[in-house]
Amino acid sequence: MEYIRVTSENIDKEHICCAISSNNDVQVSSKKAWLSERFGDGLVFLKSTDRGKCFIEYIPAENAWNPIDAQGYMYIDCLWVAGSFKGHGYSTDLLNACIEDSKSKGKKGLCILSSQKKKPFLADPKFLKYKGFTVCDEADNGIQLWVLPFEESASLPKFKACAKHPHIKEMGYVLYYTNQCPFNAKYVPIVEETAREQGVNFKAIHLQSKKEAQNAPTPITTYALFFDGEYVTNEQMNDKRFLKLLAK
């Protein structure tokens, strides 16, 4: 498998592996805009040269859009290998490339979000454990911060206090999200419209800066849905999933 690094110079012509390929699609355009604004913060997007979901996205933890304290670490936004790419060792290839790059930049290690059991849109804990990662912190909602330190003496990352106990005061459904996930550009407005049609109290909070994301009341900022103050899920909703949730 061959890989290519997406940069500000080639992002317009490269397929970014998520959603659909057309730059005119709002999902693609929003994700590419978000990536382009992060390259200056040290973000790396490495992907397969073949079309499909096979990529890794990582950034110095100080610039991550998550409420974590991980000075000197590299934070993995997303490691996604799906479909026909599974089972060929490509996840290992991408992770090894990240490790090599991070070591060359003098990082203390890697950190990434996961959970005790596999959750949608989060790294597989079995894979992380197999690769030597361990849990270094856990929020009340079961979201865990996993770490792969390069030195035994390295201080370990942790969640900020605002994310350790995910809870908000607002009633109804409240969604925190960013444009890091391309699906949000399409489906957040759909869920907002569905909520209006159903007469449901729904508020979407679009985190649009690193500062906002690093002080969010949730470990996961790409998509975090609350109901009456309590955390519900990080799984992106379309209209059918949201209606199913309302019916419970």
C-alpha atoms as a PDB file:
ATOM      1  CA  MET A   1       0.000   0.000   0.000  1.00  0.00           C
ATOM      2  CA  GLU A   2       1.216   3.487  -0.845  1.00  0.00           C
ATOM      3  CA  TYR A   3       0.354   6.520   1.267  1.00  0.00           C
ATOM      4  CA  ILE A   4       0.280  10.239   0.640  1.00  0.00           C
ATOM      5  CA  ARG A   5       0.295  13.166   3.044  1.00  0.00           C
ATOM      6  CA  VAL A   6      -2.433  15.702   2.406  1.00  0.00           C
ATOM      7  CA  THR A   7      -1.149  19.274   2.681  1.00  0.00           C
ATOM      8  CA  SER A   8      -2.324  22.771   1.870  1.00  0.00           C
ATOM      9  CA  GLU A   9      -0.656  22.349  -1.522  1.00  0.00           C
ATOM     10  CA  ASN A  10      -2.557  19.234  -2.620  1.00  0.00           C
ATOM     11  CA  ILE A  11      -5.757  19.182  -0.553  1.00  0.00           C
ATOM     12  CA  ASP A  12      -7.906  20.613  -3.341  1.00  0.00           C
ATOM     13  CA  LYS A  13      -7.223  17.635  -5.598  1.00  0.00           C
ATOM     14  CA  GLU A  14      -6.917  14.843  -3.034  1.00  0.00           C
ATOM     15  CA  HIS A  15      -9.788  12.656  -1.899  1.00  0.00           C
ATOM     16  CA  ILE A  16      -9.978  12.873   1.905  1.00  0.00           C
ATOM     17  CA  CYS A  17     -11.455   9.402   2.442  1.00  0.00           C
ATOM     18  CA  CYS A  18     -14.630  10.446   4.255  1.00  0.00           C
ATOM     19  CA  ALA A  19     -18.090  11.112   2.891  1.00  0.00           C
ATOM     20  CA  ILE A  20     -18.094  11.495  -0.910  1.00  0.00           C
ATOM     21  CA  SER A  21     -15.482  12.683  -3.354  1.00  0.00           C
ATOM     22  CA  SER A  22     -17.010  15.816  -4.855  1.00  0.00           C
ATOM     23  CA  ASN A  23     -15.524  19.059  -3.506  1.00  0.00           C
ATOM     24  CA  ASN A  24     -18.938  20.612  -4.125  1.00  0.00           C
ATOM     25  CA  ASP A  25     -20.498  18.416  -1.431  1.00  0.00           C
ATOM     26  CA  VAL A  26     -20.881  20.359   1.818  1.00  0.00           C
ATOM     27  CA  GLN A  27     -19.424  17.453   3.800  1.00  0.00           C
ATOM     28  CA  VAL A  28     -16.192  17.460   1.810  1.00  0.00           C
ATOM     29  CA  SER A  29     -15.844  21.227   1.593  1.00  0.00           C
ATOM     30  CA  SER A  30     -16.372  21.700   5.339  1.00  0.00           C
ATOM     31  CA  LYS A  31     -13.848  19.002   6.246  1.00  0.00           C
ATOM     32  CA  LYS A  32     -11.245  20.316   3.818  1.00  0.00           C
ATOM     33  CA  ALA A  33     -11.698  23.841   5.160  1.00  0.00           C
ATOM     34  CA  TRP A  34     -11.237  22.553   8.722  1.00  0.00           C
ATOM     35  CA  LEU A  35      -8.105  20.623   7.761  1.00  0.00           C
ATOM     36  CA  SER A  36      -6.631  23.558   5.873  1.00  0.00           C
ATOM     37  CA  GLU A  37      -6.960  25.762   8.946  1.00  0.00           C
ATOM     38  CA  ARG A  38      -5.194  23.155  11.115  1.00  0.00           C
ATOM     39  CA  PHE A  39      -2.111  22.481   8.990  1.00  0.00           C
ATOM     40  CA  GLY A  40      -0.445  25.514  10.505  1.00  0.00           C
ATOM     41  CA  ASP A  41      -0.972  23.936  13.947  1.00  0.00           C
ATOM     42  CA  GLY A  42       1.006  20.866  12.915  1.00  0.00           C
ATOM     43  CA  LEU A  43      -1.852  18.617  11.822  1.00  0.00           C
ATOM     44  CA  VAL A  44      -0.882  15.620   9.688  1.00  0.00           C
ATOM     45  CA  PHE A  45      -3.343  13.788   7.437  1.00  0.00           C
ATOM     46  CA  LEU A  46      -1.837  10.625   5.944  1.00  0.00           C
ATOM     47  CA  LYS A  47      -3.981   8.480   3.694  1.00  0.00           C
ATOM     48  CA  SER A  48      -3.943   5.630   1.235  1.00  0.00           C
ATOM     49  CA  THR A  49      -3.411   6.577  -2.380  1.00  0.00           C
ATOM     50  CA  ASP A  50      -6.364   4.300  -3.164  1.00  0.00           C
ATOM     51  CA  ARG A  51      -9.829   5.740  -2.731  1.00  0.00           C
ATOM     52  CA  GLY A  52     -11.571   4.715   0.455  1.00  0.00           C
ATOM     53  CA  LYS A  53     -11.477   5.085   4.222  1.00  0.00           C
ATOM     54  CA  CYS A  54      -7.857   4.371   5.067  1.00  0.00           C
ATOM     55  CA  PHE A  55      -6.156   7.241   6.879  1.00  0.00           C
ATOM     56  CA  ILE A  56      -4.722   8.667  10.081  1.00  0.00           C
ATOM     57  CA  GLU A  57      -5.115  12.242  11.301  1.00  0.00           C
ATOM     58  CA  TYR A  58      -3.006  13.569  14.182  1.00  0.00           C
ATOM     59  CA  ILE A  59      -1.866  16.849  15.721  1.00  0.00           C
ATOM     60  CA  PRO A  60       0.320  18.100  18.599  1.00  0.00           C
ATOM     61  CA  ALA A  61      -1.856  17.644  21.681  1.00  0.00           C
ATOM     62  CA  GLU A  62      -1.501  21.322  22.643  1.00  0.00           C
ATOM     63  CA  ASN A  63      -3.433  22.125  19.470  1.00  0.00           C
ATOM     64  CA  ALA A  64      -5.970  19.304  19.666  1.00  0.00           C
ATOM     65  CA  TRP A  65      -9.640  20.278  19.666  1.00  0.00           C
ATOM     66  CA  ASN A  66     -10.272  18.309  22.852  1.00  0.00           C
ATOM     67  CA  PRO A  67     -10.170  19.227  26.563  1.00  0.00           C
ATOM     68  CA  ILE A  68      -7.037  17.272  27.461  1.00  0.00           C
ATOM     69  CA  ASP A  69      -3.824  18.121  29.252  1.00  0.00           C
ATOM     70  CA  ALA A  70      -1.164  16.302  27.234  1.00  0.00           C
ATOM     71  CA  GLN A  71       1.795  18.640  26.954  1.00  0.00           C
ATOM     72  CA  GLY A  72       4.461  17.225  24.651  1.00  0.00           C
ATOM     73  CA  TYR A  73       2.285  14.435  23.233  1.00  0.00           C
ATOM     74  CA  MET A  74       0.840  13.827  19.782  1.00  0.00           C
ATOM     75  CA  TYR A  75      -2.927  13.410  19.731  1.00  0.00           C
ATOM     76  CA  ILE A  76      -4.563  11.122  17.151  1.00  0.00           C
ATOM     77  CA  ASP A  77      -7.815  12.672  15.949  1.00  0.00           C
ATOM     78  CA  CYS A  78      -8.787   9.656  13.904  1.00  0.00           C
ATOM     79  CA  LEU A  79      -7.369   6.339  12.696  1.00  0.00           C
ATOM     80  CA  TRP A  80      -9.865   4.856  10.291  1.00  0.00           C
ATOM     81  CA  VAL A  81      -9.466   1.777   8.112  1.00  0.00           C
ATOM     82  CA  ALA A  82     -12.732   0.444   6.745  1.00  0.00           C
ATOM     83  CA  GLY A  83     -14.272  -1.727   4.062  1.00  0.00           C
ATOM     84  CA  SER A  84     -11.992  -3.743   1.823  1.00  0.00           C
ATOM     85  CA  PHE A  85      -8.926  -2.175   3.486  1.00  0.00           C
ATOM     86  CA  LYS A  86      -9.504  -4.096   6.723  1.00  0.00           C
ATOM     87  CA  GLY A  87      -7.337  -7.081   7.588  1.00  0.00           C
ATOM     88  CA  HIS A  88      -4.241  -6.106   5.607  1.00  0.00           C
ATOM     89  CA  GLY A  89      -2.172  -4.397   8.299  1.00  0.00           C
ATOM     90  CA  TYR A  90      -2.844  -0.879   7.060  1.00  0.00           C
ATOM     91  CA  SER A  91      -3.829   0.350  10.528  1.00  0.00           C
ATOM     92  CA  THR A  92      -0.405  -0.765  11.727  1.00  0.00           C
ATOM     93  CA  ASP A  93       1.264   0.963   8.780  1.00  0.00           C
ATOM     94  CA  LEU A  94      -0.468   4.247   9.563  1.00  0.00           C
ATOM     95  CA  LEU A  95       0.138   4.016  13.295  1.00  0.00           C
ATOM     96  CA  ASN A  96       3.828   3.202  12.757  1.00  0.00           C
ATOM     97  CA  ALA A  97       4.153   6.218  10.461  1.00  0.00           C
ATOM     98  CA  CYS A  98       2.626   8.398  13.192  1.00  0.00           C
ATOM     99  CA  ILE A  99       4.977   6.946  15.813  1.00  0.00           C
ATOM    100  CA  GLU A 100       8.040   7.518  13.647  1.00  0.00           C
ATOM    101  CA  ASP A 101       7.005  11.078  12.814  1.00  0.00           C
ATOM    102  CA  SER A 102       6.155  11.882  16.434  1.00  0.00           C
ATOM    103  CA  LYS A 103       9.480  10.557  17.701  1.00  0.00           C
ATOM    104  CA  SER A 104      11.337  12.606  15.087  1.00  0.00           C
ATOM    105  CA  LYS A 105       9.529  15.683  16.435  1.00  0.00           C
ATOM    106  CA  GLY A 106      10.595  14.924  20.002  1.00  0.00           C
ATOM    107  CA  LYS A 107       7.162  13.987  21.315  1.00  0.00           C
ATOM    108  CA  LYS A 108       6.693  12.120  24.609  1.00  0.00           C
ATOM    109  CA  GLY A 109       4.226   9.695  23.049  1.00  0.00           C
ATOM    110  CA  LEU A 110       0.765   9.344  21.538  1.00  0.00           C
ATOM    111  CA  CYS A 111      -2.704   9.693  23.007  1.00  0.00           C
ATOM    112  CA  ILE A 112      -6.145   8.943  21.598  1.00  0.00           C
ATOM    113  CA  LEU A 113      -9.764   8.630  22.744  1.00  0.00           C
ATOM    114  CA  SER A 114     -11.463   5.261  23.107  1.00  0.00           C
ATOM    115  CA  SER A 115     -13.625   3.367  25.598  1.00  0.00           C
ATOM    116  CA  GLN A 116     -13.744   0.066  27.438  1.00  0.00           C
ATOM    117  CA  LYS A 117     -15.919  -1.426  24.700  1.00  0.00           C
ATOM    118  CA  LYS A 118     -15.832  -0.402  21.045  1.00  0.00           C
ATOM    119  CA  LYS A 119     -18.002   2.615  20.285  1.00  0.00           C
ATOM    120  CA  PRO A 120     -18.854   4.111  16.882  1.00  0.00           C
ATOM    121  CA  PHE A 121     -16.344   6.668  15.598  1.00  0.00           C
ATOM    122  CA  LEU A 122     -13.810   5.834  18.335  1.00  0.00           C
ATOM    123  CA  ALA A 123     -10.627   3.780  18.115  1.00  0.00           C
ATOM    124  CA  ASP A 124     -10.963   0.059  18.793  1.00  0.00           C
ATOM    125  CA  PRO A 125      -9.683  -0.588  22.347  1.00  0.00           C
ATOM    126  CA  LYS A 126      -8.589  -4.120  21.413  1.00  0.00           C
ATOM    127  CA  PHE A 127      -6.337  -2.742  18.683  1.00  0.00           C
ATOM    128  CA  LEU A 128      -4.940  -0.076  20.995  1.00  0.00           C
ATOM    129  CA  LYS A 129      -4.164  -2.607  23.714  1.00  0.00           C
ATOM    130  CA  TYR A 130      -2.491  -4.894  21.158  1.00  0.00           C
ATOM    131  CA  LYS A 131      -0.294  -1.986  20.083  1.00  0.00           C
ATOM    132  CA  GLY A 132       0.803  -1.198  23.635  1.00  0.00           C
ATOM    133  CA  PHE A 133      -1.576   1.622  24.546  1.00  0.00           C
ATOM    134  CA  THR A 134      -2.986   1.776  28.072  1.00  0.00           C
ATOM    135  CA  VAL A 135      -5.766   3.798  29.712  1.00  0.00           C
ATOM    136  CA  CYS A 136      -4.436   6.875  31.511  1.00  0.00           C
ATOM    137  CA  ASP A 137      -7.726   8.628  32.339  1.00  0.00           C
ATOM    138  CA  GLU A 138     -11.469   8.078  32.126  1.00  0.00           C
ATOM    139  CA  ALA A 139     -14.450  10.436  32.181  1.00  0.00           C
ATOM    140  CA  ASP A 140     -17.704   9.668  33.990  1.00  0.00           C
ATOM    141  CA  ASN A 141     -19.417   8.785  30.697  1.00  0.00           C
ATOM    142  CA  GLY A 142     -16.955   5.965  29.963  1.00  0.00           C
ATOM    143  CA  ILE A 143     -14.844   7.805  27.414  1.00  0.00           C
ATOM    144  CA  GLN A 144     -11.215   6.931  28.030  1.00  0.00           C
ATOM    145  CA  LEU A 145      -7.918   8.596  27.210  1.00  0.00           C
ATOM    146  CA  TRP A 146      -5.375   6.023  26.032  1.00  0.00           C
ATOM    147  CA  VAL A 147      -1.634   6.626  25.870  1.00  0.00           C
ATOM    148  CA  LEU A 148       1.454   5.141  24.264  1.00  0.00           C
ATOM    149  CA  PRO A 149       4.434   6.815  25.986  1.00  0.00           C
ATOM    150  CA  PHE A 150       7.827   6.626  24.297  1.00  0.00           C
ATOM    151  CA  GLU A 151       9.646   6.811  27.653  1.00  0.00           C
ATOM    152  CA  GLU A 152       8.701   5.174  30.961  1.00  0.00           C
ATOM    153  CA  SER A 153       9.368   8.405  32.845  1.00  0.00           C
ATOM    154  CA  ALA A 154       7.045  10.512  30.673  1.00  0.00           C
ATOM    155  CA  SER A 155       4.211  12.232  32.547  1.00  0.00           C
ATOM    156  CA  LEU A 156       0.820  10.924  31.448  1.00  0.00           C
ATOM    157  CA  PRO A 157      -1.971  12.889  29.747  1.00  0.00           C
ATOM    158  CA  LYS A 158      -5.286  13.532  31.477  1.00  0.00           C
ATOM    159  CA  PHE A 159      -8.679  15.082  30.845  1.00  0.00           C
ATOM    160  CA  LYS A 160      -9.286  18.652  31.892  1.00  0.00           C
ATOM    161  CA  ALA A 161     -11.737  19.123  34.747  1.00  0.00           C
ATOM    162  CA  CYS A 162     -14.461  20.395  32.394  1.00  0.00           C
ATOM    163  CA  ALA A 163     -14.484  17.059  30.530  1.00  0.00           C
ATOM    164  CA  LYS A 164     -13.912  14.684  33.432  1.00  0.00           C
ATOM    165  CA  HIS A 165     -17.550  14.898  34.528  1.00  0.00           C
ATOM    166  CA  PRO A 166     -19.619  15.490  31.351  1.00  0.00           C
ATOM    167  CA  HIS A 167     -22.732  17.362  32.406  1.00  0.00           C
ATOM    168  CA  ILE A 168     -24.472  20.574  31.383  1.00  0.00           C
ATOM    169  CA  LYS A 169     -27.213  22.698  32.951  1.00  0.00           C
ATOM    170  CA  GLU A 170     -29.359  23.168  29.849  1.00  0.00           C
ATOM    171  CA  MET A 171     -32.483  21.077  29.427  1.00  0.00           C
ATOM    172  CA  GLY A 172     -33.639  19.361  26.253  1.00  0.00           C
ATOM    173  CA  TYR A 173     -31.285  18.044  23.615  1.00  0.00           C
ATOM    174  CA  VAL A 174     -27.996  19.905  23.291  1.00  0.00           C
ATOM    175  CA  LEU A 175     -25.401  18.942  20.709  1.00  0.00           C
ATOM    176  CA  TYR A 176     -21.749  19.993  20.754  1.00  0.00           C
ATOM    177  CA  TYR A 177     -19.956  19.448  17.455  1.00  0.00           C
ATOM    178  CA  THR A 178     -17.117  20.587  15.198  1.00  0.00           C
ATOM    179  CA  ASN A 179     -16.369  20.408  11.487  1.00  0.00           C
ATOM    180  CA  GLN A 180     -13.638  17.867  12.120  1.00  0.00           C
ATOM    181  CA  CYS A 181     -16.201  15.231  11.166  1.00  0.00           C
ATOM    182  CA  PRO A 182     -17.488  15.883   7.632  1.00  0.00           C
ATOM    183  CA  PHE A 183     -20.856  14.235   8.264  1.00  0.00           C
ATOM    184  CA  ASN A 184     -21.879  17.036  10.626  1.00  0.00           C
ATOM    185  CA  ALA A 185     -22.163  19.606   7.851  1.00  0.00           C
ATOM    186  CA  LYS A 186     -24.948  17.569   6.274  1.00  0.00           C
ATOM    187  CA  TYR A 187     -26.676  15.849   9.166  1.00  0.00           C
ATOM    188  CA  VAL A 188     -26.705  18.432  11.964  1.00  0.00           C
ATOM    189  CA  PRO A 189     -29.117  20.657   9.971  1.00  0.00           C
ATOM    190  CA  ILE A 190     -31.245  17.583   9.204  1.00  0.00           C
ATOM    191  CA  VAL A 191     -31.540  16.690  12.884  1.00  0.00           C
ATOM    192  CA  GLU A 192     -32.288  20.337  13.737  1.00  0.00           C
ATOM    193  CA  GLU A 193     -35.140  20.309  11.231  1.00  0.00           C
ATOM    194  CA  THR A 194     -36.410  16.950  12.512  1.00  0.00           C
ATOM    195  CA  ALA A 195     -36.448  18.321  16.069  1.00  0.00           C
ATOM    196  CA  ARG A 196     -38.446  21.368  14.931  1.00  0.00           C
ATOM    197  CA  GLU A 197     -40.967  19.139  13.163  1.00  0.00           C
ATOM    198  CA  GLN A 198     -41.361  17.008  16.290  1.00  0.00           C
ATOM    199  CA  GLY A 199     -41.621  20.007  18.607  1.00  0.00           C
ATOM    200  CA  VAL A 200     -38.511  18.894  20.492  1.00  0.00           C
ATOM    201  CA  ASN A 201     -36.251  21.312  22.339  1.00  0.00           C
ATOM    202  CA  PHE A 202     -32.934  20.999  20.463  1.00  0.00           C
ATOM    203  CA  LYS A 203     -29.881  23.256  20.454  1.00  0.00           C
ATOM    204  CA  ALA A 204     -26.747  22.749  18.372  1.00  0.00           C
ATOM    205  CA  ILE A 205     -23.525  24.351  19.639  1.00  0.00           C
ATOM    206  CA  HIS A 206     -20.949  24.582  16.864  1.00  0.00           C
ATOM    207  CA  LEU A 207     -17.455  24.700  18.374  1.00  0.00           C
ATOM    208  CA  GLN A 208     -15.520  26.903  15.979  1.00  0.00           C
ATOM    209  CA  SER A 209     -12.202  27.497  17.713  1.00  0.00           C
ATOM    210  CA  LYS A 210      -9.516  25.535  19.506  1.00  0.00           C
ATOM    211  CA  LYS A 211     -10.220  27.485  22.702  1.00  0.00           C
ATOM    212  CA  GLU A 212     -13.916  26.586  22.637  1.00  0.00           C
ATOM    213  CA  ALA A 213     -13.181  22.922  21.988  1.00  0.00           C
ATOM    214  CA  GLN A 214     -10.497  22.699  24.678  1.00  0.00           C
ATOM    215  CA  ASN A 215     -12.976  24.001  27.256  1.00  0.00           C
ATOM    216  CA  ALA A 216     -15.986  21.949  26.194  1.00  0.00           C
ATOM    217  CA  PRO A 217     -17.934  19.915  28.784  1.00  0.00           C
ATOM    218  CA  THR A 218     -17.227  16.677  26.945  1.00  0.00           C
ATOM    219  CA  PRO A 219     -14.110  14.618  26.109  1.00  0.00           C
ATOM    220  CA  ILE A 220     -15.422  14.136  22.562  1.00  0.00           C
ATOM    221  CA  THR A 221     -15.966  17.383  20.696  1.00  0.00           C
ATOM    222  CA  THR A 222     -16.595  16.122  17.167  1.00  0.00           C
ATOM    223  CA  TYR A 223     -20.097  15.077  18.239  1.00  0.00           C
ATOM    224  CA  ALA A 224     -21.492  14.948  21.764  1.00  0.00           C
ATOM    225  CA  LEU A 225     -25.235  14.842  22.375  1.00  0.00           C
ATOM    226  CA  PHE A 226     -26.747  15.650  25.792  1.00  0.00           C
ATOM    227  CA  PHE A 227     -30.333  15.344  27.045  1.00  0.00           C
ATOM    228  CA  ASP A 228     -31.520  17.234  30.117  1.00  0.00           C
ATOM    229  CA  GLY A 229     -27.933  17.779  31.136  1.00  0.00           C
ATOM    230  CA  GLU A 230     -26.787  14.176  30.787  1.00  0.00           C
ATOM    231  CA  TYR A 231     -24.458  12.834  28.102  1.00  0.00           C
ATOM    232  CA  VAL A 232     -26.194  10.532  25.589  1.00  0.00           C
ATOM    233  CA  THR A 233     -23.930   9.557  22.703  1.00  0.00           C
ATOM    234  CA  ASN A 234     -21.087  10.443  20.345  1.00  0.00           C
ATOM    235  CA  GLU A 235     -22.723   8.629  17.425  1.00  0.00           C
ATOM    236  CA  GLN A 236     -23.755  10.958  14.609  1.00  0.00           C
ATOM    237  CA  MET A 237     -27.500  11.123  14.112  1.00  0.00           C
ATOM    238  CA  ASN A 238     -29.499  11.289  10.924  1.00  0.00           C
ATOM    239  CA  ASP A 239     -33.240  11.877  10.976  1.00  0.00           C
ATOM    240  CA  LYS A 240     -34.095   8.170  11.355  1.00  0.00           C
ATOM    241  CA  ARG A 241     -31.678   7.614  14.241  1.00  0.00           C
ATOM    242  CA  PHE A 242     -32.885  10.737  16.011  1.00  0.00           C
ATOM    243  CA  LEU A 243     -36.520   9.726  15.678  1.00  0.00           C
ATOM    244  CA  LYS A 244     -35.624   6.300  17.048  1.00  0.00           C
ATOM    245  CA  LEU A 245     -33.917   7.988  20.000  1.00  0.00           C
ATOM    246  CA  LEU A 246     -37.004  10.139  20.641  1.00  0.00           C
ATOM    247  CA  ALA A 247     -39.209   7.041  20.645  1.00  0.00           C
ATOM    248  CA  LYS A 248     -37.305   5.432  23.517  1.00  0.00           C
END
